[in-house]
Amino acid sequence: MFRTICALALVATSASSQSMTDMTEQQWIEMLIEDYRRADGFCRGNPGDWHRTWEACGARTYQSLLLRYFDMCLGRYDQPASEAQWHECTENSIGPNPPAYYFGD
């Protein structure tokens, strides 16, 4: 149910040309990571007092929450933050970001 709600919420923000109902879980993850990177770049690259920057930072947090639902984490303890990549969470993963308690875990 939550996944369905998240999917519907993304319809308005995704630039994907493929029908969203036909997407596999891996395609969803790839789309979310792309959306996260776009929002992250805008969030980090603009003035902090600009409302669009806050919107981008909020979108980045939202994408993090959705990726966490798919058990994805950003970065590992044995790597610098500059090399952090989204990956399936393991014991060595940093994260989740935001924390799992957002989902009631």
PDB file of N, CA and C in Angstrom:
ATOM      1  N   MET A   1       0.823  -1.193   0.000  1.00  0.00           N
ATOM      2  CA  MET A   1       0.000   0.000   0.000  1.00  0.00           C
ATOM      3  C   MET A   1       0.865   1.254   0.000  1.00  0.00           C
ATOM      4  N   PHE A   2       1.876   1.300   0.914  1.00  0.00           N
ATOM      5  CA  PHE A   2       2.755   2.467   0.976  1.00  0.00           C
ATOM      6  C   PHE A   2       3.479   2.657  -0.345  1.00  0.00           C
ATOM      7  N   ARG A   3       3.946   1.559  -0.932  1.00  0.00           N
ATOM      8  CA  ARG A   3       4.655   1.631  -2.206  1.00  0.00           C
ATOM      9  C   ARG A   3       3.749   2.208  -3.288  1.00  0.00           C
ATOM     10  N   THR A   4       2.486   1.834  -3.280  1.00  0.00           N
ATOM     11  CA  THR A   4       1.531   2.366  -4.252  1.00  0.00           C
ATOM     12  C   THR A   4       1.340   3.861  -4.061  1.00  0.00           C
ATOM     13  N   ILE A   5       1.211   4.294  -2.827  1.00  0.00           N
ATOM     14  CA  ILE A   5       1.051   5.722  -2.547  1.00  0.00           C
ATOM     15  C   ILE A   5       2.285   6.486  -2.995  1.00  0.00           C
ATOM     16  N   CYS A   6       3.460   5.941  -2.702  1.00  0.00           N
ATOM     17  CA  CYS A   6       4.700   6.596  -3.127  1.00  0.00           C
ATOM     18  C   CYS A   6       4.777   6.680  -4.642  1.00  0.00           C
ATOM     19  N   ALA A   7       4.377   5.611  -5.307  1.00  0.00           N
ATOM     20  CA  ALA A   7       4.410   5.606  -6.764  1.00  0.00           C
ATOM     21  C   ALA A   7       3.499   6.681  -7.331  1.00  0.00           C
ATOM     22  N   LEU A   8       2.328   6.815  -6.781  1.00  0.00           N
ATOM     23  CA  LEU A   8       1.403   7.839  -7.257  1.00  0.00           C
ATOM     24  C   LEU A   8       1.942   9.236  -7.004  1.00  0.00           C
ATOM     25  N   ALA A   9       2.615   9.421  -5.884  1.00  0.00           N
ATOM     26  CA  ALA A   9       3.179  10.739  -5.566  1.00  0.00           C
ATOM     27  C   ALA A   9       4.291  11.120  -6.522  1.00  0.00           C
ATOM     28  N   LEU A  10       4.964  10.136  -7.077  1.00  0.00           N
ATOM     29  CA  LEU A  10       6.077  10.419  -7.982  1.00  0.00           C
ATOM     30  C   LEU A  10       5.636  10.720  -9.404  1.00  0.00           C
ATOM     31  N   VAL A  11       4.432  10.389  -9.750  1.00  0.00           N
ATOM     32  CA  VAL A  11       3.956  10.595 -11.113  1.00  0.00           C
ATOM     33  C   VAL A  11       4.157  12.033 -11.557  1.00  0.00           C
ATOM     34  N   ALA A  12       3.875  12.964 -10.699  1.00  0.00           N
ATOM     35  CA  ALA A  12       3.976  14.379 -11.062  1.00  0.00           C
ATOM     36  C   ALA A  12       5.412  14.863 -11.153  1.00  0.00           C
ATOM     37  N   THR A  13       6.365  14.177 -10.509  1.00  0.00           N
ATOM     38  CA  THR A  13       7.738  14.673 -10.476  1.00  0.00           C
ATOM     39  C   THR A  13       8.675  13.945 -11.416  1.00  0.00           C
ATOM     40  N   SER A  14       8.287  12.815 -11.926  1.00  0.00           N
ATOM     41  CA  SER A  14       9.189  12.025 -12.749  1.00  0.00           C
ATOM     42  C   SER A  14       9.172  12.463 -14.202  1.00  0.00           C
ATOM     43  N   ALA A  15      10.356  12.398 -14.817  1.00  0.00           N
ATOM     44  CA  ALA A  15      10.471  12.736 -16.231  1.00  0.00           C
ATOM     45  C   ALA A  15      10.505  11.468 -17.079  1.00  0.00           C
ATOM     46  N   SER A  16      10.230  10.339 -16.485  1.00  0.00           N
ATOM     47  CA  SER A  16      10.291   9.074 -17.199  1.00  0.00           C
ATOM     48  C   SER A  16       9.220   9.001 -18.276  1.00  0.00           C
ATOM     49  N   SER A  17       9.629   8.500 -19.462  1.00  0.00           N
ATOM     50  CA  SER A  17       8.667   8.382 -20.554  1.00  0.00           C
ATOM     51  C   SER A  17       7.934   7.042 -20.504  1.00  0.00           C
ATOM     52  N   GLN A  18       8.470   6.074 -19.772  1.00  0.00           N
ATOM     53  CA  GLN A  18       7.839   4.770 -19.649  1.00  0.00           C
ATOM     54  C   GLN A  18       6.638   4.878 -18.721  1.00  0.00           C
ATOM     55  N   SER A  19       5.601   4.087 -19.026  1.00  0.00           N
ATOM     56  CA  SER A  19       4.441   4.061 -18.148  1.00  0.00           C
ATOM     57  C   SER A  19       4.885   3.613 -16.758  1.00  0.00           C
ATOM     58  N   MET A  20       4.537   4.396 -15.755  1.00  0.00           N
ATOM     59  CA  MET A  20       5.014   4.117 -14.407  1.00  0.00           C
ATOM     60  C   MET A  20       4.422   2.838 -13.836  1.00  0.00           C
ATOM     61  N   THR A  21       3.288   2.411 -14.318  1.00  0.00           N
ATOM     62  CA  THR A  21       2.696   1.171 -13.823  1.00  0.00           C
ATOM     63  C   THR A  21       3.425  -0.046 -14.375  1.00  0.00           C
ATOM     64  N   ASP A  22       4.202   0.136 -15.445  1.00  0.00           N
ATOM     65  CA  ASP A  22       4.940  -0.974 -16.048  1.00  0.00           C
ATOM     66  C   ASP A  22       6.371  -1.085 -15.541  1.00  0.00           C
ATOM     67  N   MET A  23       6.768  -0.206 -14.642  1.00  0.00           N
ATOM     68  CA  MET A  23       8.153  -0.186 -14.190  1.00  0.00           C
ATOM     69  C   MET A  23       8.435  -1.295 -13.185  1.00  0.00           C
ATOM     70  N   THR A  24       9.643  -1.866 -13.277  1.00  0.00           N
ATOM     71  CA  THR A  24      10.085  -2.856 -12.300  1.00  0.00           C
ATOM     72  C   THR A  24      10.600  -2.138 -11.056  1.00  0.00           C
ATOM     73  N   GLU A  25      10.815  -2.899  -9.997  1.00  0.00           N
ATOM     74  CA  GLU A  25      11.353  -2.300  -8.774  1.00  0.00           C
ATOM     75  C   GLU A  25      12.714  -1.662  -9.047  1.00  0.00           C
ATOM     76  N   GLN A  26      13.559  -2.329  -9.839  1.00  0.00           N
ATOM     77  CA  GLN A  26      14.877  -1.776 -10.153  1.00  0.00           C
ATOM     78  C   GLN A  26      14.753  -0.464 -10.926  1.00  0.00           C
ATOM     79  N   GLN A  27      13.809  -0.375 -11.826  1.00  0.00           N
ATOM     80  CA  GLN A  27      13.600   0.871 -12.565  1.00  0.00           C
ATOM     81  C   GLN A  27      13.136   1.993 -11.628  1.00  0.00           C
ATOM     82  N   TRP A  28      12.293   1.648 -10.651  1.00  0.00           N
ATOM     83  CA  TRP A  28      11.864   2.640  -9.658  1.00  0.00           C
ATOM     84  C   TRP A  28      13.072   3.157  -8.889  1.00  0.00           C
ATOM     85  N   ILE A  29      13.918   2.236  -8.450  1.00  0.00           N
ATOM     86  CA  ILE A  29      15.101   2.618  -7.681  1.00  0.00           C
ATOM     87  C   ILE A  29      15.996   3.530  -8.502  1.00  0.00           C
ATOM     88  N   GLU A  30      16.234   3.171  -9.757  1.00  0.00           N
ATOM     89  CA  GLU A  30      17.076   3.998 -10.627  1.00  0.00           C
ATOM     90  C   GLU A  30      16.478   5.387 -10.817  1.00  0.00           C
ATOM     91  N   MET A  31      15.161   5.465 -10.982  1.00  0.00           N
ATOM     92  CA  MET A  31      14.501   6.757 -11.149  1.00  0.00           C
ATOM     93  C   MET A  31      14.619   7.595  -9.872  1.00  0.00           C
ATOM     94  N   LEU A  32      14.427   6.953  -8.723  1.00  0.00           N
ATOM     95  CA  LEU A  32      14.532   7.669  -7.453  1.00  0.00           C
ATOM     96  C   LEU A  32      15.946   8.194  -7.217  1.00  0.00           C
ATOM     97  N   ILE A  33      16.945   7.391  -7.558  1.00  0.00           N
ATOM     98  CA  ILE A  33      18.332   7.830  -7.402  1.00  0.00           C
ATOM     99  C   ILE A  33      18.614   9.014  -8.318  1.00  0.00           C
ATOM    100  N   GLU A  34      18.134   8.958  -9.538  1.00  0.00           N
ATOM    101  CA  GLU A  34      18.302  10.088 -10.462  1.00  0.00           C
ATOM    102  C   GLU A  34      17.625  11.346  -9.904  1.00  0.00           C
ATOM    103  N   ASP A  35      16.415  11.196  -9.400  1.00  0.00           N
ATOM    104  CA  ASP A  35      15.699  12.334  -8.811  1.00  0.00           C
ATOM    105  C   ASP A  35      16.435  12.862  -7.578  1.00  0.00           C
ATOM    106  N   TYR A  36      16.971  11.952  -6.757  1.00  0.00           N
ATOM    107  CA  TYR A  36      17.738  12.358  -5.574  1.00  0.00           C
ATOM    108  C   TYR A  36      18.953  13.187  -5.989  1.00  0.00           C
ATOM    109  N   ARG A  37      19.702  12.700  -6.977  1.00  0.00           N
ATOM    110  CA  ARG A  37      20.909  13.412  -7.423  1.00  0.00           C
ATOM    111  C   ARG A  37      20.576  14.800  -7.961  1.00  0.00           C
ATOM    112  N   ARG A  38      19.503  14.890  -8.700  1.00  0.00           N
ATOM    113  CA  ARG A  38      19.092  16.187  -9.248  1.00  0.00           C
ATOM    114  C   ARG A  38      18.749  17.155  -8.109  1.00  0.00           C
ATOM    115  N   ALA A  39      17.954  16.688  -7.157  1.00  0.00           N
ATOM    116  CA  ALA A  39      17.574  17.539  -6.021  1.00  0.00           C
ATOM    117  C   ALA A  39      18.789  17.871  -5.155  1.00  0.00           C
ATOM    118  N   ASP A  40      19.679  16.907  -4.963  1.00  0.00           N
ATOM    119  CA  ASP A  40      20.871  17.132  -4.151  1.00  0.00           C
ATOM    120  C   ASP A  40      21.762  18.202  -4.774  1.00  0.00           C
ATOM    121  N   GLY A  41      21.940  18.148  -6.076  1.00  0.00           N
ATOM    122  CA  GLY A  41      22.749  19.157  -6.756  1.00  0.00           C
ATOM    123  C   GLY A  41      22.166  20.548  -6.611  1.00  0.00           C
ATOM    124  N   PHE A  42      20.860  20.646  -6.732  1.00  0.00           N
ATOM    125  CA  PHE A  42      20.203  21.946  -6.598  1.00  0.00           C
ATOM    126  C   PHE A  42      20.251  22.416  -5.149  1.00  0.00           C
ATOM    127  N   CYS A  43      20.049  21.492  -4.222  1.00  0.00           N
ATOM    128  CA  CYS A  43      20.060  21.835  -2.795  1.00  0.00           C
ATOM    129  C   CYS A  43      21.432  22.357  -2.373  1.00  0.00           C
ATOM    130  N   ARG A  44      22.488  21.731  -2.844  1.00  0.00           N
ATOM    131  CA  ARG A  44      23.846  22.119  -2.464  1.00  0.00           C
ATOM    132  C   ARG A  44      24.362  23.312  -3.259  1.00  0.00           C
ATOM    133  N   GLY A  45      23.805  23.548  -4.435  1.00  0.00           N
ATOM    134  CA  GLY A  45      24.394  24.536  -5.325  1.00  0.00           C
ATOM    135  C   GLY A  45      23.722  25.889  -5.376  1.00  0.00           C
ATOM    136  N   ASN A  46      22.819  26.179  -4.474  1.00  0.00           N
ATOM    137  CA  ASN A  46      22.099  27.450  -4.504  1.00  0.00           C
ATOM    138  C   ASN A  46      22.063  28.085  -3.121  1.00  0.00           C
ATOM    139  N   PRO A  47      21.746  29.385  -3.058  1.00  0.00           N
ATOM    140  CA  PRO A  47      21.716  30.086  -1.766  1.00  0.00           C
ATOM    141  C   PRO A  47      20.731  29.447  -0.784  1.00  0.00           C
ATOM    142  N   GLY A  48      21.135  29.367   0.470  1.00  0.00           N
ATOM    143  CA  GLY A  48      20.303  28.741   1.499  1.00  0.00           C
ATOM    144  C   GLY A  48      19.054  29.510   1.856  1.00  0.00           C
ATOM    145  N   ASP A  49      18.994  30.782   1.485  1.00  0.00           N
ATOM    146  CA  ASP A  49      17.808  31.572   1.826  1.00  0.00           C
ATOM    147  C   ASP A  49      16.815  31.660   0.666  1.00  0.00           C
ATOM    148  N   TRP A  50      17.051  30.920  -0.387  1.00  0.00           N
ATOM    149  CA  TRP A  50      16.178  30.943  -1.557  1.00  0.00           C
ATOM    150  C   TRP A  50      15.135  29.837  -1.412  1.00  0.00           C
ATOM    151  N   HIS A  51      13.862  30.131  -1.605  1.00  0.00           N
ATOM    152  CA  HIS A  51      12.807  29.134  -1.357  1.00  0.00           C
ATOM    153  C   HIS A  51      12.953  27.909  -2.248  1.00  0.00           C
ATOM    154  N   ARG A  52      13.467  28.064  -3.443  1.00  0.00           N
ATOM    155  CA  ARG A  52      13.643  26.896  -4.324  1.00  0.00           C
ATOM    156  C   ARG A  52      14.724  25.948  -3.791  1.00  0.00           C
ATOM    157  N   THR A  53      15.689  26.510  -3.103  1.00  0.00           N
ATOM    158  CA  THR A  53      16.705  25.668  -2.468  1.00  0.00           C
ATOM    159  C   THR A  53      16.055  24.800  -1.402  1.00  0.00           C
ATOM    160  N   TRP A  54      15.192  25.394  -0.590  1.00  0.00           N
ATOM    161  CA  TRP A  54      14.492  24.635   0.447  1.00  0.00           C
ATOM    162  C   TRP A  54      13.594  23.570  -0.165  1.00  0.00           C
ATOM    163  N   GLU A  55      12.954  23.888  -1.275  1.00  0.00           N
ATOM    164  CA  GLU A  55      12.121  22.895  -1.964  1.00  0.00           C
ATOM    165  C   GLU A  55      12.976  21.726  -2.438  1.00  0.00           C
ATOM    166  N   ALA A  56      14.141  22.033  -3.003  1.00  0.00           N
ATOM    167  CA  ALA A  56      15.033  20.974  -3.483  1.00  0.00           C
ATOM    168  C   ALA A  56      15.536  20.115  -2.329  1.00  0.00           C
ATOM    169  N   CYS A  57      15.882  20.747  -1.222  1.00  0.00           N
ATOM    170  CA  CYS A  57      16.350  19.989  -0.055  1.00  0.00           C
ATOM    171  C   CYS A  57      15.235  19.101   0.507  1.00  0.00           C
ATOM    172  N   GLY A  58      14.016  19.610   0.497  1.00  0.00           N
ATOM    173  CA  GLY A  58      12.880  18.802   0.928  1.00  0.00           C
ATOM    174  C   GLY A  58      12.637  17.635  -0.010  1.00  0.00           C
ATOM    175  N   ALA A  59      12.767  17.876  -1.312  1.00  0.00           N
ATOM    176  CA  ALA A  59      12.607  16.798  -2.296  1.00  0.00           C
ATOM    177  C   ALA A  59      13.688  15.741  -2.103  1.00  0.00           C
ATOM    178  N   ARG A  60      14.905  16.180  -1.814  1.00  0.00           N
ATOM    179  CA  ARG A  60      16.011  15.242  -1.579  1.00  0.00           C
ATOM    180  C   ARG A  60      15.705  14.355  -0.374  1.00  0.00           C
ATOM    181  N   THR A  61      15.192  14.936   0.692  1.00  0.00           N
ATOM    182  CA  THR A  61      14.825  14.159   1.875  1.00  0.00           C
ATOM    183  C   THR A  61      13.717  13.169   1.542  1.00  0.00           C
ATOM    184  N   TYR A  62      12.747  13.611   0.765  1.00  0.00           N
ATOM    185  CA  TYR A  62      11.640  12.740   0.358  1.00  0.00           C
ATOM    186  C   TYR A  62      12.162  11.560  -0.469  1.00  0.00           C
ATOM    187  N   GLN A  63      13.078  11.836  -1.397  1.00  0.00           N
ATOM    188  CA  GLN A  63      13.646  10.753  -2.206  1.00  0.00           C
ATOM    189  C   GLN A  63      14.406   9.777  -1.311  1.00  0.00           C
ATOM    190  N   SER A  64      15.117  10.296  -0.299  1.00  0.00           N
ATOM    191  CA  SER A  64      15.825   9.427   0.652  1.00  0.00           C
ATOM    192  C   SER A  64      14.859   8.492   1.367  1.00  0.00           C
ATOM    193  N   LEU A  65      13.728   9.032   1.779  1.00  0.00           N
ATOM    194  CA  LEU A  65      12.717   8.208   2.451  1.00  0.00           C
ATOM    195  C   LEU A  65      12.207   7.106   1.535  1.00  0.00           C
ATOM    196  N   LEU A  66      11.942   7.453   0.292  1.00  0.00           N
ATOM    197  CA  LEU A  66      11.445   6.452  -0.653  1.00  0.00           C
ATOM    198  C   LEU A  66      12.509   5.398  -0.938  1.00  0.00           C
ATOM    199  N   LEU A  67      13.748   5.812  -1.096  1.00  0.00           N
ATOM    200  CA  LEU A  67      14.828   4.853  -1.333  1.00  0.00           C
ATOM    201  C   LEU A  67      15.025   3.952  -0.119  1.00  0.00           C
ATOM    202  N   ARG A  68      14.854   4.483   1.068  1.00  0.00           N
ATOM    203  CA  ARG A  68      14.964   3.672   2.276  1.00  0.00           C
ATOM    204  C   ARG A  68      13.893   2.588   2.287  1.00  0.00           C
ATOM    205  N   TYR A  69      12.732   2.916   1.788  1.00  0.00           N
ATOM    206  CA  TYR A  69      11.666   1.916   1.716  1.00  0.00           C
ATOM    207  C   TYR A  69      12.097   0.723   0.862  1.00  0.00           C
ATOM    208  N   PHE A  70      12.914   0.985  -0.152  1.00  0.00           N
ATOM    209  CA  PHE A  70      13.433  -0.075  -1.020  1.00  0.00           C
ATOM    210  C   PHE A  70      14.728  -0.674  -0.457  1.00  0.00           C
ATOM    211  N   ASP A  71      15.032  -0.397   0.821  1.00  0.00           N
ATOM    212  CA  ASP A  71      16.213  -0.911   1.518  1.00  0.00           C
ATOM    213  C   ASP A  71      17.512  -0.456   0.848  1.00  0.00           C
ATOM    214  N   MET A  72      17.546   0.805   0.458  1.00  0.00           N
ATOM    215  CA  MET A  72      18.733   1.395  -0.152  1.00  0.00           C
ATOM    216  C   MET A  72      19.395   2.329   0.858  1.00  0.00           C
ATOM    217  N   CYS A  73      20.730   2.345   0.859  1.00  0.00           N
ATOM    218  CA  CYS A  73      21.505   3.200   1.756  1.00  0.00           C
ATOM    219  C   CYS A  73      22.508   4.004   0.938  1.00  0.00           C
ATOM    220  N   LEU A  74      22.950   5.110   1.508  1.00  0.00           N
ATOM    221  CA  LEU A  74      23.898   5.992   0.831  1.00  0.00           C
ATOM    222  C   LEU A  74      25.215   5.973   1.580  1.00  0.00           C
ATOM    223  N   GLY A  75      26.216   5.288   1.021  1.00  0.00           N
ATOM    224  CA  GLY A  75      27.555   5.253   1.594  1.00  0.00           C
ATOM    225  C   GLY A  75      27.794   4.079   2.523  1.00  0.00           C
ATOM    226  N   ARG A  76      29.108   3.821   2.728  1.00  0.00           N
ATOM    227  CA  ARG A  76      29.553   2.757   3.624  1.00  0.00           C
ATOM    228  C   ARG A  76      30.542   3.341   4.628  1.00  0.00           C
ATOM    229  N   TYR A  77      30.677   2.681   5.763  1.00  0.00           N
ATOM    230  CA  TYR A  77      31.571   3.169   6.811  1.00  0.00           C
ATOM    231  C   TYR A  77      33.031   3.202   6.374  1.00  0.00           C
ATOM    232  N   ASP A  78      33.426   2.362   5.428  1.00  0.00           N
ATOM    233  CA  ASP A  78      34.831   2.272   5.027  1.00  0.00           C
ATOM    234  C   ASP A  78      35.176   3.136   3.809  1.00  0.00           C
ATOM    235  N   GLN A  79      34.364   4.143   3.513  1.00  0.00           N
ATOM    236  CA  GLN A  79      34.651   4.994   2.363  1.00  0.00           C
ATOM    237  C   GLN A  79      34.399   6.462   2.705  1.00  0.00           C
ATOM    238  N   PRO A  80      35.117   7.355   2.027  1.00  0.00           N
ATOM    239  CA  PRO A  80      34.864   8.785   2.244  1.00  0.00           C
ATOM    240  C   PRO A  80      33.482   9.175   1.734  1.00  0.00           C
ATOM    241  N   ALA A  81      32.915  10.204   2.330  1.00  0.00           N
ATOM    242  CA  ALA A  81      31.579  10.662   1.929  1.00  0.00           C
ATOM    243  C   ALA A  81      31.547  11.060   0.459  1.00  0.00           C
ATOM    244  N   SER A  82      32.663  11.551  -0.065  1.00  0.00           N
ATOM    245  CA  SER A  82      32.701  11.971  -1.470  1.00  0.00           C
ATOM    246  C   SER A  82      32.536  10.798  -2.431  1.00  0.00           C
ATOM    247  N   GLU A  83      32.747   9.581  -1.953  1.00  0.00           N
ATOM    248  CA  GLU A  83      32.605   8.388  -2.790  1.00  0.00           C
ATOM    249  C   GLU A  83      31.305   7.629  -2.514  1.00  0.00           C
ATOM    250  N   ALA A  84      30.451   8.174  -1.679  1.00  0.00           N
ATOM    251  CA  ALA A  84      29.212   7.486  -1.301  1.00  0.00           C
ATOM    252  C   ALA A  84      28.313   7.284  -2.515  1.00  0.00           C
ATOM    253  N   GLN A  85      27.801   6.074  -2.639  1.00  0.00           N
ATOM    254  CA  GLN A  85      26.870   5.712  -3.707  1.00  0.00           C
ATOM    255  C   GLN A  85      25.663   5.024  -3.078  1.00  0.00           C
ATOM    256  N   TRP A  86      24.512   5.142  -3.734  1.00  0.00           N
ATOM    257  CA  TRP A  86      23.332   4.409  -3.283  1.00  0.00           C
ATOM    258  C   TRP A  86      23.557   2.934  -3.568  1.00  0.00           C
ATOM    259  N   HIS A  87      23.223   2.087  -2.612  1.00  0.00           N
ATOM    260  CA  HIS A  87      23.375   0.645  -2.749  1.00  0.00           C
ATOM    261  C   HIS A  87      22.383  -0.045  -1.812  1.00  0.00           C
ATOM    262  N   GLU A  88      22.202  -1.338  -2.031  1.00  0.00           N
ATOM    263  CA  GLU A  88      21.350  -2.109  -1.132  1.00  0.00           C
ATOM    264  C   GLU A  88      22.026  -2.159   0.240  1.00  0.00           C
ATOM    265  N   CYS A  89      21.281  -1.859   1.281  1.00  0.00           N
ATOM    266  CA  CYS A  89      21.850  -1.759   2.625  1.00  0.00           C
ATOM    267  C   CYS A  89      22.484  -3.072   3.078  1.00  0.00           C
ATOM    268  N   THR A  90      23.644  -2.955   3.730  1.00  0.00           N
ATOM    269  CA  THR A  90      24.348  -4.081   4.331  1.00  0.00           C
ATOM    270  C   THR A  90      24.753  -3.672   5.743  1.00  0.00           C
ATOM    271  N   GLU A  91      25.448  -4.563   6.462  1.00  0.00           N
ATOM    272  CA  GLU A  91      25.916  -4.240   7.813  1.00  0.00           C
ATOM    273  C   GLU A  91      26.906  -3.084   7.797  1.00  0.00           C
ATOM    274  N   ASN A  92      27.630  -2.899   6.697  1.00  0.00           N
ATOM    275  CA  ASN A  92      28.650  -1.863   6.587  1.00  0.00           C
ATOM    276  C   ASN A  92      28.090  -0.540   6.060  1.00  0.00           C
ATOM    277  N   SER A  93      26.800  -0.483   5.822  1.00  0.00           N
ATOM    278  CA  SER A  93      26.186   0.708   5.238  1.00  0.00           C
ATOM    279  C   SER A  93      25.996   1.815   6.258  1.00  0.00           C
ATOM    280  N   ILE A  94      26.180   3.045   5.793  1.00  0.00           N
ATOM    281  CA  ILE A  94      25.819   4.212   6.590  1.00  0.00           C
ATOM    282  C   ILE A  94      24.364   4.490   6.279  1.00  0.00           C
ATOM    283  N   GLY A  95      23.626   4.671   7.294  1.00  0.00           N
ATOM    284  CA  GLY A  95      22.236   4.991   6.987  1.00  0.00           C
ATOM    285  C   GLY A  95      21.308   4.209   7.867  1.00  0.00           C
ATOM    286  N   PRO A  96      20.135   4.255   7.514  1.00  0.00           N
ATOM    287  CA  PRO A  96      19.587   5.007   6.391  1.00  0.00           C
ATOM    288  C   PRO A  96      19.557   6.503   6.674  1.00  0.00           C
ATOM    289  N   ASN A  97      19.414   7.259   5.631  1.00  0.00           N
ATOM    290  CA  ASN A  97      19.323   8.715   5.758  1.00  0.00           C
ATOM    291  C   ASN A  97      18.098   9.163   4.997  1.00  0.00           C
ATOM    292  N   PRO A  98      17.091   9.635   5.614  1.00  0.00           N
ATOM    293  CA  PRO A  98      16.834   9.818   7.031  1.00  0.00           C
ATOM    294  C   PRO A  98      16.693   8.473   7.757  1.00  0.00           C
ATOM    295  N   PRO A  99      16.749   8.497   9.077  1.00  0.00           N
ATOM    296  CA  PRO A  99      16.712   7.270   9.864  1.00  0.00           C
ATOM    297  C   PRO A  99      15.454   6.434   9.635  1.00  0.00           C
ATOM    298  N   ALA A 100      15.589   5.145   9.900  1.00  0.00           N
ATOM    299  CA  ALA A 100      14.494   4.198   9.666  1.00  0.00           C
ATOM    300  C   ALA A 100      13.271   4.488  10.520  1.00  0.00           C
ATOM    301  N   TYR A 101      13.436   5.200  11.639  1.00  0.00           N
ATOM    302  CA  TYR A 101      12.269   5.420  12.502  1.00  0.00           C
ATOM    303  C   TYR A 101      11.189   6.230  11.814  1.00  0.00           C
ATOM    304  N   TYR A 102      11.487   6.863  10.687  1.00  0.00           N
ATOM    305  CA  TYR A 102      10.439   7.536   9.929  1.00  0.00           C
ATOM    306  C   TYR A 102       9.391   6.537   9.450  1.00  0.00           C
ATOM    307  N   PHE A 103       9.789   5.275   9.319  1.00  0.00           N
ATOM    308  CA  PHE A 103       8.881   4.238   8.853  1.00  0.00           C
ATOM    309  C   PHE A 103       8.326   3.408   9.998  1.00  0.00           C
ATOM    310  N   GLY A 104       8.675   3.752  11.211  1.00  0.00           N
ATOM    311  CA  GLY A 104       8.172   3.018  12.355  1.00  0.00           C
ATOM    312  C   GLY A 104       8.900   1.723  12.602  1.00  0.00           C
ATOM    313  N   ASP A 105      10.113   1.559  12.019  1.00  0.00           N
ATOM    314  CA  ASP A 105      10.901   0.338  12.230  1.00  0.00           C
ATOM    315  C   ASP A 105      11.365   0.234  13.665  1.00  0.00           C
TER     316      ASP A 105
END
